[in-house]
Amino acid sequence: MKRRLKIPDEALAFRIWQVANPVNWGVSAVEIAAALGVERGEVERVCRMKRWRNKLAPSEAETLPYDELAA
């Protein structure tokens, strides 16, 4: 059964789609959050619920090797 989102989450999902779709999902959750003025966690949570997380580009921190993060 498909899980339905609450109305505020659907509204945020639409706003996320408005930012990401025109650039073929070539943006990260961090960039979307900054563009929309919301927390990164909210963007990631809604993207997980909509099963969009794998569509997003990785953030800069996610692409760094572990040894560079530890430095």
N, C-alpha and C. Protein backbone atom coordinates (compact mmCIF):
# COMPACT_ATOMS: atom_id res chain seq x y z
N MET A 1 0.83 -1.17 0.00
CA MET A 1 0.00 0.00 0.00
C MET A 1 0.89 1.24 0.00
N LYS A 2 0.53 2.19 -0.81
CA LYS A 2 1.29 3.43 -0.90
C LYS A 2 1.00 4.32 0.30
N ARG A 3 2.05 4.82 0.90
CA ARG A 3 1.92 5.68 2.07
C ARG A 3 1.64 7.11 1.62
N ARG A 4 0.64 7.72 2.21
CA ARG A 4 0.28 9.09 1.86
C ARG A 4 0.98 10.06 2.79
N LEU A 5 1.42 11.16 2.23
CA LEU A 5 2.06 12.20 3.01
C LEU A 5 1.02 13.16 3.54
N LYS A 6 1.35 13.82 4.62
CA LYS A 6 0.50 14.87 5.14
C LYS A 6 0.58 16.07 4.21
N ILE A 7 -0.41 16.93 4.26
CA ILE A 7 -0.48 18.06 3.33
C ILE A 7 0.77 18.95 3.38
N PRO A 8 1.30 19.32 4.55
CA PRO A 8 2.52 20.13 4.54
C PRO A 8 3.70 19.42 3.87
N ASP A 9 3.79 18.10 4.05
CA ASP A 9 4.85 17.34 3.40
C ASP A 9 4.65 17.29 1.89
N GLU A 10 3.42 17.15 1.44
CA GLU A 10 3.14 17.18 0.00
C GLU A 10 3.49 18.54 -0.59
N ALA A 11 3.20 19.59 0.15
CA ALA A 11 3.54 20.94 -0.32
C ALA A 11 5.05 21.09 -0.45
N LEU A 12 5.79 20.61 0.54
CA LEU A 12 7.25 20.66 0.47
C LEU A 12 7.76 19.78 -0.66
N ALA A 13 7.16 18.63 -0.86
CA ALA A 13 7.56 17.74 -1.96
C ALA A 13 7.38 18.44 -3.31
N PHE A 14 6.30 19.19 -3.46
CA PHE A 14 6.09 19.92 -4.71
C PHE A 14 7.16 20.99 -4.89
N ARG A 15 7.49 21.69 -3.82
CA ARG A 15 8.53 22.72 -3.90
C ARG A 15 9.88 22.12 -4.23
N ILE A 16 10.17 20.96 -3.64
CA ILE A 16 11.42 20.25 -3.95
C ILE A 16 11.44 19.88 -5.43
N TRP A 17 10.35 19.34 -5.91
CA TRP A 17 10.25 18.96 -7.32
C TRP A 17 10.44 20.18 -8.22
N GLN A 18 9.87 21.33 -7.82
CA GLN A 18 10.01 22.56 -8.62
C GLN A 18 11.47 22.97 -8.76
N VAL A 19 12.28 22.75 -7.73
CA VAL A 19 13.69 23.11 -7.78
C VAL A 19 14.50 22.07 -8.54
N ALA A 20 14.23 20.80 -8.28
CA ALA A 20 15.08 19.73 -8.80
C ALA A 20 14.75 19.31 -10.23
N ASN A 21 13.51 19.30 -10.59
CA ASN A 21 13.12 18.79 -11.91
C ASN A 21 13.71 19.57 -13.08
N PRO A 22 13.71 20.90 -13.07
CA PRO A 22 14.26 21.63 -14.22
C PRO A 22 15.74 21.37 -14.47
N VAL A 23 16.47 20.95 -13.45
CA VAL A 23 17.90 20.66 -13.62
C VAL A 23 18.17 19.16 -13.60
N ASN A 24 17.14 18.39 -13.93
CA ASN A 24 17.24 16.93 -14.02
C ASN A 24 17.79 16.31 -12.74
N TRP A 25 17.36 16.83 -11.60
CA TRP A 25 17.72 16.33 -10.28
C TRP A 25 19.21 16.42 -10.03
N GLY A 26 19.87 17.38 -10.65
CA GLY A 26 21.31 17.55 -10.47
C GLY A 26 21.64 18.48 -9.31
N VAL A 27 20.86 18.45 -8.26
CA VAL A 27 21.09 19.27 -7.08
C VAL A 27 21.08 18.37 -5.84
N SER A 28 21.77 18.83 -4.81
CA SER A 28 21.82 18.06 -3.56
C SER A 28 20.73 18.54 -2.62
N ALA A 29 20.52 17.77 -1.57
CA ALA A 29 19.55 18.16 -0.55
C ALA A 29 19.96 19.46 0.10
N VAL A 30 21.25 19.69 0.24
CA VAL A 30 21.76 20.93 0.83
C VAL A 30 21.38 22.12 -0.05
N GLU A 31 21.57 21.98 -1.35
CA GLU A 31 21.24 23.07 -2.28
C GLU A 31 19.74 23.34 -2.32
N ILE A 32 18.95 22.29 -2.30
CA ILE A 32 17.49 22.46 -2.30
C ILE A 32 17.05 23.16 -1.02
N ALA A 33 17.59 22.72 0.11
CA ALA A 33 17.24 23.33 1.39
C ALA A 33 17.58 24.81 1.40
N ALA A 34 18.74 25.16 0.87
CA ALA A 34 19.14 26.57 0.82
C ALA A 34 18.21 27.36 -0.09
N ALA A 35 17.84 26.79 -1.23
CA ALA A 35 16.96 27.48 -2.17
C ALA A 35 15.57 27.70 -1.59
N LEU A 36 15.11 26.77 -0.79
CA LEU A 36 13.75 26.85 -0.24
C LEU A 36 13.70 27.47 1.15
N GLY A 37 14.84 27.64 1.79
CA GLY A 37 14.87 28.20 3.13
C GLY A 37 14.33 27.26 4.20
N VAL A 38 14.60 25.96 4.01
CA VAL A 38 14.17 24.95 4.98
C VAL A 38 15.41 24.17 5.43
N GLU A 39 15.24 23.36 6.44
CA GLU A 39 16.34 22.53 6.95
C GLU A 39 16.63 21.38 6.00
N ARG A 40 17.91 21.02 5.93
CA ARG A 40 18.33 19.89 5.08
C ARG A 40 17.60 18.61 5.48
N GLY A 41 17.43 18.41 6.77
CA GLY A 41 16.77 17.20 7.26
C GLY A 41 15.34 17.08 6.76
N GLU A 42 14.65 18.20 6.65
CA GLU A 42 13.28 18.18 6.13
C GLU A 42 13.26 17.74 4.67
N VAL A 43 14.20 18.28 3.89
CA VAL A 43 14.30 17.90 2.47
C VAL A 43 14.61 16.42 2.35
N GLU A 44 15.57 15.94 3.13
CA GLU A 44 15.94 14.53 3.06
C GLU A 44 14.80 13.63 3.51
N ARG A 45 14.08 14.04 4.55
CA ARG A 45 12.95 13.23 5.04
C ARG A 45 11.86 13.10 3.98
N VAL A 46 11.50 14.21 3.35
CA VAL A 46 10.45 14.17 2.33
C VAL A 46 10.94 13.38 1.11
N CYS A 47 12.19 13.56 0.74
CA CYS A 47 12.73 12.81 -0.41
C CYS A 47 12.75 11.31 -0.12
N ARG A 48 13.04 10.94 1.12
CA ARG A 48 12.97 9.51 1.48
C ARG A 48 11.55 8.99 1.36
N MET A 49 10.59 9.77 1.85
CA MET A 49 9.19 9.34 1.82
C MET A 49 8.68 9.23 0.38
N LYS A 50 9.15 10.11 -0.50
CA LYS A 50 8.73 10.08 -1.90
C LYS A 50 9.61 9.15 -2.75
N ARG A 51 10.61 8.55 -2.09
CA ARG A 51 11.58 7.68 -2.79
C ARG A 51 12.36 8.43 -3.87
N TRP A 52 12.74 9.66 -3.54
CA TRP A 52 13.52 10.50 -4.44
C TRP A 52 14.97 10.60 -4.01
N ARG A 53 15.33 10.04 -2.88
CA ARG A 53 16.68 10.23 -2.33
C ARG A 53 17.76 9.82 -3.32
N ASN A 54 17.55 8.74 -4.06
CA ASN A 54 18.57 8.29 -5.01
C ASN A 54 18.65 9.18 -6.25
N LYS A 55 17.66 10.05 -6.46
CA LYS A 55 17.70 10.97 -7.59
C LYS A 55 18.59 12.18 -7.34
N LEU A 56 18.76 12.55 -6.07
CA LEU A 56 19.50 13.75 -5.73
C LEU A 56 20.99 13.57 -5.95
N ALA A 57 21.64 14.67 -6.31
CA ALA A 57 23.09 14.66 -6.42
C ALA A 57 23.68 14.64 -5.01
N PRO A 58 24.84 14.02 -4.83
CA PRO A 58 25.45 14.03 -3.50
C PRO A 58 25.95 15.43 -3.15
N SER A 59 25.94 15.76 -1.88
CA SER A 59 26.49 17.04 -1.45
C SER A 59 28.00 16.96 -1.50
N GLU A 60 28.66 18.09 -1.40
CA GLU A 60 30.12 18.12 -1.47
C GLU A 60 30.74 17.26 -0.37
N ALA A 61 30.20 17.32 0.83
CA ALA A 61 30.74 16.53 1.94
C ALA A 61 30.57 15.03 1.70
N GLU A 62 29.51 14.64 1.01
CA GLU A 62 29.28 13.22 0.75
C GLU A 62 30.24 12.66 -0.29
N THR A 63 30.86 13.52 -1.09
CA THR A 63 31.76 13.05 -2.15
C THR A 63 33.21 13.04 -1.72
N LEU A 64 33.53 13.65 -0.57
CA LEU A 64 34.91 13.68 -0.11
C LEU A 64 35.32 12.32 0.45
N PRO A 65 36.56 11.92 0.19
CA PRO A 65 37.05 10.68 0.81
C PRO A 65 37.10 10.84 2.34
N TYR A 66 37.01 9.75 3.06
CA TYR A 66 36.96 9.78 4.51
C TYR A 66 38.17 10.50 5.11
N ASP A 67 39.36 10.27 4.58
CA ASP A 67 40.55 10.86 5.17
C ASP A 67 40.54 12.38 5.05
N GLU A 68 39.89 12.93 4.02
CA GLU A 68 39.78 14.39 3.91
C GLU A 68 38.77 14.93 4.91
N LEU A 69 37.74 14.15 5.21
CA LEU A 69 36.76 14.60 6.20
C LEU A 69 37.37 14.61 7.59
N ALA A 70 38.24 13.67 7.87
CA ALA A 70 38.84 13.55 9.19
C ALA A 70 39.91 14.62 9.44
N ALA A 71 40.44 15.20 8.38
CA ALA A 71 41.52 16.18 8.53
C ALA A 71 41.06 17.48 9.13
